């Protein structure tokens, strides 16, 4: 299990890598988008659950 801080950091790294891909330097793999979506969802879920606890 990752902490909230670790999840946010990984999401930030993924966003940074995606920006590099926009300029044609390097194309990101398909799994990159899936991982980014999953991390975003995990962060949203954790924020919602934290409010209810």
PDB file of N, CA and C in Angstrom:
ATOM      1  N   UNK A   1       0.839  -1.169   0.000  1.00  0.00           N
ATOM      2  CA  UNK A   1       0.000   0.000   0.000  1.00  0.00           C
ATOM      3  C   UNK A   1       0.890   1.240   0.000  1.00  0.00           C
ATOM      4  N   UNK A   2       0.516   2.206  -0.797  1.00  0.00           N
ATOM      5  CA  UNK A   2       1.262   3.455  -0.867  1.00  0.00           C
ATOM      6  C   UNK A   2       0.581   4.512  -0.014  1.00  0.00           C
ATOM      7  N   UNK A   3       1.359   5.394   0.521  1.00  0.00           N
ATOM      8  CA  UNK A   3       0.789   6.512   1.274  1.00  0.00           C
ATOM      9  C   UNK A   3       0.272   7.552   0.285  1.00  0.00           C
ATOM     10  N   UNK A   4      -0.522   8.480   0.790  1.00  0.00           N
ATOM     11  CA  UNK A   4      -1.079   9.528  -0.053  1.00  0.00           C
ATOM     12  C   UNK A   4       0.045  10.349  -0.695  1.00  0.00           C
ATOM     13  N   UNK A   5       1.070  10.625   0.055  1.00  0.00           N
ATOM     14  CA  UNK A   5       2.203  11.407  -0.447  1.00  0.00           C
ATOM     15  C   UNK A   5       2.896  10.683  -1.608  1.00  0.00           C
ATOM     16  N   UNK A   6       3.063   9.376  -1.476  1.00  0.00           N
ATOM     17  CA  UNK A   6       3.711   8.583  -2.525  1.00  0.00           C
ATOM     18  C   UNK A   6       2.855   8.546  -3.787  1.00  0.00           C
ATOM     19  N   UNK A   7       1.551   8.408  -3.626  1.00  0.00           N
ATOM     20  CA  UNK A   7       0.653   8.391  -4.785  1.00  0.00           C
ATOM     21  C   UNK A   7       0.695   9.714  -5.533  1.00  0.00           C
ATOM     22  N   UNK A   8       0.665  10.816  -4.792  1.00  0.00           N
ATOM     23  CA  UNK A   8       0.710  12.130  -5.434  1.00  0.00           C
ATOM     24  C   UNK A   8       2.039  12.348  -6.152  1.00  0.00           C
ATOM     25  N   UNK A   9       3.108  11.867  -5.569  1.00  0.00           N
ATOM     26  CA  UNK A   9       4.428  12.000  -6.188  1.00  0.00           C
ATOM     27  C   UNK A   9       4.495  11.192  -7.487  1.00  0.00           C
ATOM     28  N   UNK A  10       3.998   9.965  -7.468  1.00  0.00           N
ATOM     29  CA  UNK A  10       4.001   9.141  -8.671  1.00  0.00           C
ATOM     30  C   UNK A  10       3.144   9.774  -9.769  1.00  0.00           C
ATOM     31  N   UNK A  11       2.012  10.346  -9.389  1.00  0.00           N
ATOM     32  CA  UNK A  11       1.147  11.009 -10.354  1.00  0.00           C
ATOM     33  C   UNK A  11       1.863  12.205 -10.978  1.00  0.00           C
ATOM     34  N   UNK A  12       2.603  12.933 -10.157  1.00  0.00           N
ATOM     35  CA  UNK A  12       3.369  14.082 -10.645  1.00  0.00           C
ATOM     36  C   UNK A  12       4.446  13.618 -11.642  1.00  0.00           C
ATOM     37  N   UNK A  13       5.104  12.509 -11.338  1.00  0.00           N
ATOM     38  CA  UNK A  13       6.125  11.976 -12.241  1.00  0.00           C
ATOM     39  C   UNK A  13       5.515  11.529 -13.568  1.00  0.00           C
ATOM     40  N   UNK A  14       4.357  10.892 -13.500  1.00  0.00           N
ATOM     41  CA  UNK A  14       3.696  10.454 -14.725  1.00  0.00           C
ATOM     42  C   UNK A  14       3.294  11.646 -15.593  1.00  0.00           C
ATOM     43  N   UNK A  15       2.810  12.701 -14.981  1.00  0.00           N
ATOM     44  CA  UNK A  15       2.431  13.898 -15.729  1.00  0.00           C
ATOM     45  C   UNK A  15       3.654  14.527 -16.384  1.00  0.00           C
ATOM     46  N   UNK A  16       4.769  14.513 -15.680  1.00  0.00           N
ATOM     47  CA  UNK A  16       6.007  15.068 -16.219  1.00  0.00           C
ATOM     48  C   UNK A  16       6.464  14.276 -17.448  1.00  0.00           C
ATOM     49  N   UNK A  17       6.376  12.962 -17.378  1.00  0.00           N
ATOM     50  CA  UNK A  17       6.762  12.110 -18.502  1.00  0.00           C
ATOM     51  C   UNK A  17       5.839  12.319 -19.693  1.00  0.00           C
ATOM     52  N   UNK A  18       4.561  12.523 -19.432  1.00  0.00           N
ATOM     53  CA  UNK A  18       3.602  12.717 -20.521  1.00  0.00           C
ATOM     54  C   UNK A  18       3.891  14.014 -21.263  1.00  0.00           C
ATOM     55  N   UNK A  19       4.278  15.063 -20.547  1.00  0.00           N
ATOM     56  CA  UNK A  19       4.602  16.334 -21.198  1.00  0.00           C
ATOM     57  C   UNK A  19       5.763  16.164 -22.161  1.00  0.00           C
ATOM     58  N   UNK A  20       6.728  15.352 -21.804  1.00  0.00           N
ATOM     59  CA  UNK A  20       7.855  15.098 -22.711  1.00  0.00           C
ATOM     60  C   UNK A  20       7.374  14.430 -23.993  1.00  0.00           C
ATOM     61  N   UNK A  21       6.369  13.568 -23.866  1.00  0.00           N
ATOM     62  CA  UNK A  21       5.842  12.855 -25.027  1.00  0.00           C
ATOM     63  C   UNK A  21       5.111  13.762 -25.995  1.00  0.00           C
ATOM     64  N   UNK A  22       4.580  14.866 -25.511  1.00  0.00           N
ATOM     65  CA  UNK A  22       3.841  15.784 -26.384  1.00  0.00           C
ATOM     66  C   UNK A  22       4.726  16.394 -27.458  1.00  0.00           C
ATOM     67  N   UNK A  23       5.986  16.576 -27.173  1.00  0.00           N
ATOM     68  CA  UNK A  23       6.883  17.221 -28.115  1.00  0.00           C
ATOM     69  C   UNK A  23       7.553  16.225 -29.060  1.00  0.00           C
ATOM     70  N   UNK A  24       7.106  14.987 -29.015  1.00  0.00           N
ATOM     71  CA  UNK A  24       7.624  13.985 -29.932  1.00  0.00           C
ATOM     72  C   UNK A  24       8.976  13.415 -29.546  1.00  0.00           C
ATOM     73  N   UNK A  25       9.458  13.771 -28.389  1.00  0.00           N
ATOM     74  CA  UNK A  25      10.756  13.253 -27.959  1.00  0.00           C
ATOM     75  C   UNK A  25      10.650  11.756 -27.700  1.00  0.00           C
ATOM     76  N   UNK A  26       9.574  11.398 -27.014  1.00  0.00           N
ATOM     77  CA  UNK A  26       9.403   9.986 -26.660  1.00  0.00           C
ATOM     78  C   UNK A  26       7.922   9.732 -26.440  1.00  0.00           C
ATOM     79  N   UNK A  27       7.417   8.685 -27.045  1.00  0.00           N
ATOM     80  CA  UNK A  27       6.014   8.331 -26.876  1.00  0.00           C
ATOM     81  C   UNK A  27       5.860   7.449 -25.644  1.00  0.00           C
ATOM     82  N   UNK A  28       4.857   7.766 -24.817  1.00  0.00           N
ATOM     83  CA  UNK A  28       4.632   6.975 -23.606  1.00  0.00           C
ATOM     84  C   UNK A  28       3.878   5.694 -23.958  1.00  0.00           C
ATOM     85  N   UNK A  29       4.135   4.612 -23.232  1.00  0.00           N
ATOM     86  CA  UNK A  29       3.431   3.356 -23.486  1.00  0.00           C
ATOM     87  C   UNK A  29       1.949   3.470 -23.095  1.00  0.00           C
ATOM     88  N   UNK A  30       1.134   2.568 -23.606  1.00  0.00           N
ATOM     89  CA  UNK A  30      -0.309   2.586 -23.349  1.00  0.00           C
ATOM     90  C   UNK A  30      -0.616   2.418 -21.859  1.00  0.00           C
ATOM     91  N   UNK A  31       0.194   1.655 -21.171  1.00  0.00           N
ATOM     92  CA  UNK A  31      -0.036   1.410 -19.745  1.00  0.00           C
ATOM     93  C   UNK A  31       0.136   2.699 -18.934  1.00  0.00           C
ATOM     94  N   UNK A  32       0.839   3.658 -19.474  1.00  0.00           N
ATOM     95  CA  UNK A  32       1.075   4.931 -18.793  1.00  0.00           C
ATOM     96  C   UNK A  32      -0.249   5.626 -18.470  1.00  0.00           C
ATOM     97  N   UNK A  33      -1.143   5.697 -19.448  1.00  0.00           N
ATOM     98  CA  UNK A  33      -2.438   6.343 -19.242  1.00  0.00           C
ATOM     99  C   UNK A  33      -3.296   5.602 -18.237  1.00  0.00           C
ATOM    100  N   UNK A  34      -3.277   4.280 -18.305  1.00  0.00           N
ATOM    101  CA  UNK A  34      -4.050   3.473 -17.359  1.00  0.00           C
ATOM    102  C   UNK A  34      -3.565   3.662 -15.932  1.00  0.00           C
ATOM    103  N   UNK A  35      -2.262   3.674 -15.778  1.00  0.00           N
ATOM    104  CA  UNK A  35      -1.680   3.854 -14.449  1.00  0.00           C
ATOM    105  C   UNK A  35      -2.012   5.236 -13.896  1.00  0.00           C
ATOM    106  N   UNK A  36      -1.960   6.239 -14.749  1.00  0.00           N
ATOM    107  CA  UNK A  36      -2.281   7.593 -14.318  1.00  0.00           C
ATOM    108  C   UNK A  36      -3.742   7.684 -13.871  1.00  0.00           C
ATOM    109  N   UNK A  37      -4.647   7.066 -14.624  1.00  0.00           N
ATOM    110  CA  UNK A  37      -6.065   7.076 -14.256  1.00  0.00           C
ATOM    111  C   UNK A  37      -6.295   6.348 -12.931  1.00  0.00           C
ATOM    112  N   UNK A  38      -5.644   5.219 -12.745  1.00  0.00           N
ATOM    113  CA  UNK A  38      -5.807   4.460 -11.506  1.00  0.00           C
ATOM    114  C   UNK A  38      -5.300   5.242 -10.302  1.00  0.00           C
ATOM    115  N   UNK A  39      -4.163   5.902 -10.463  1.00  0.00           N
ATOM    116  CA  UNK A  39      -3.626   6.701  -9.360  1.00  0.00           C
ATOM    117  C   UNK A  39      -4.559   7.863  -9.019  1.00  0.00           C
ATOM    118  N   UNK A  40      -5.092   8.520 -10.044  1.00  0.00           N
ATOM    119  CA  UNK A  40      -6.033   9.616  -9.800  1.00  0.00           C
ATOM    120  C   UNK A  40      -7.254   9.116  -9.046  1.00  0.00           C
ATOM    121  N   UNK A  41      -7.762   7.944  -9.445  1.00  0.00           N
ATOM    122  CA  UNK A  41      -8.931   7.377  -8.782  1.00  0.00           C
ATOM    123  C   UNK A  41      -8.615   6.993  -7.343  1.00  0.00           C
ATOM    124  N   UNK A  42      -7.447   6.422  -7.113  1.00  0.00           N
ATOM    125  CA  UNK A  42      -7.050   6.042  -5.753  1.00  0.00           C
ATOM    126  C   UNK A  42      -6.959   7.269  -4.849  1.00  0.00           C
ATOM    127  N   UNK A  43      -6.422   8.356  -5.383  1.00  0.00           N
ATOM    128  CA  UNK A  43      -6.304   9.585  -4.598  1.00  0.00           C
ATOM    129  C   UNK A  43      -7.687  10.151  -4.289  1.00  0.00           C
ATOM    130  N   UNK A  44      -8.575  10.172  -5.298  1.00  0.00           N
ATOM    131  CA  UNK A  44      -9.946  10.659  -5.065  1.00  0.00           C
ATOM    132  C   UNK A  44     -10.658   9.813  -4.019  1.00  0.00           C
ATOM    133  N   UNK A  45     -10.534   8.502  -4.119  1.00  0.00           N
ATOM    134  CA  UNK A  45     -11.179   7.611  -3.156  1.00  0.00           C
ATOM    135  C   UNK A  45     -10.659   7.840  -1.745  1.00  0.00           C
ATOM    136  N   UNK A  46      -9.353   8.005  -1.639  1.00  0.00           N
ATOM    137  CA  UNK A  46      -8.767   8.207  -0.321  1.00  0.00           C
ATOM    138  C   UNK A  46      -9.237   9.536   0.295  1.00  0.00           C
ATOM    139  N   UNK A  47      -9.354  10.565  -0.521  1.00  0.00           N
ATOM    140  CA  UNK A  47      -9.842  11.849  -0.026  1.00  0.00           C
ATOM    141  C   UNK A  47     -11.286  11.761   0.437  1.00  0.00           C
ATOM    142  N   UNK A  48     -12.122  11.054  -0.328  1.00  0.00           N
ATOM    143  CA  UNK A  48     -13.532  10.891   0.047  1.00  0.00           C
ATOM    144  C   UNK A  48     -13.648  10.059   1.319  1.00  0.00           C
ATOM    145  N   UNK A  49     -12.901   8.972   1.389  1.00  0.00           N
ATOM    146  CA  UNK A  49     -12.967   8.101   2.567  1.00  0.00           C
ATOM    147  C   UNK A  49     -12.437   8.803   3.818  1.00  0.00           C
ATOM    148  N   UNK A  50     -11.464   9.645   3.652  1.00  0.00           N
ATOM    149  CA  UNK A  50     -10.890  10.361   4.787  1.00  0.00           C
ATOM    150  C   UNK A  50     -11.939  11.299   5.413  1.00  0.00           C
ATOM    151  N   UNK A  51     -12.774  11.894   4.571  1.00  0.00           N
ATOM    152  CA  UNK A  51     -13.823  12.796   5.072  1.00  0.00           C
ATOM    153  C   UNK A  51     -14.874  12.049   5.869  1.00  0.00           C
ATOM    154  N   UNK A  52     -15.133  10.800   5.493  1.00  0.00           N
ATOM    155  CA  UNK A  52     -16.192  10.020   6.148  1.00  0.00           C
ATOM    156  C   UNK A  52     -15.718   9.304   7.393  1.00  0.00           C
ATOM    157  N   UNK A  53     -14.439   9.245   7.620  1.00  0.00           N
ATOM    158  CA  UNK A  53     -13.932   8.520   8.794  1.00  0.00           C
ATOM    159  C   UNK A  53     -13.742   9.404   9.978  1.00  0.00           C
TER     160      UNK A  53
END
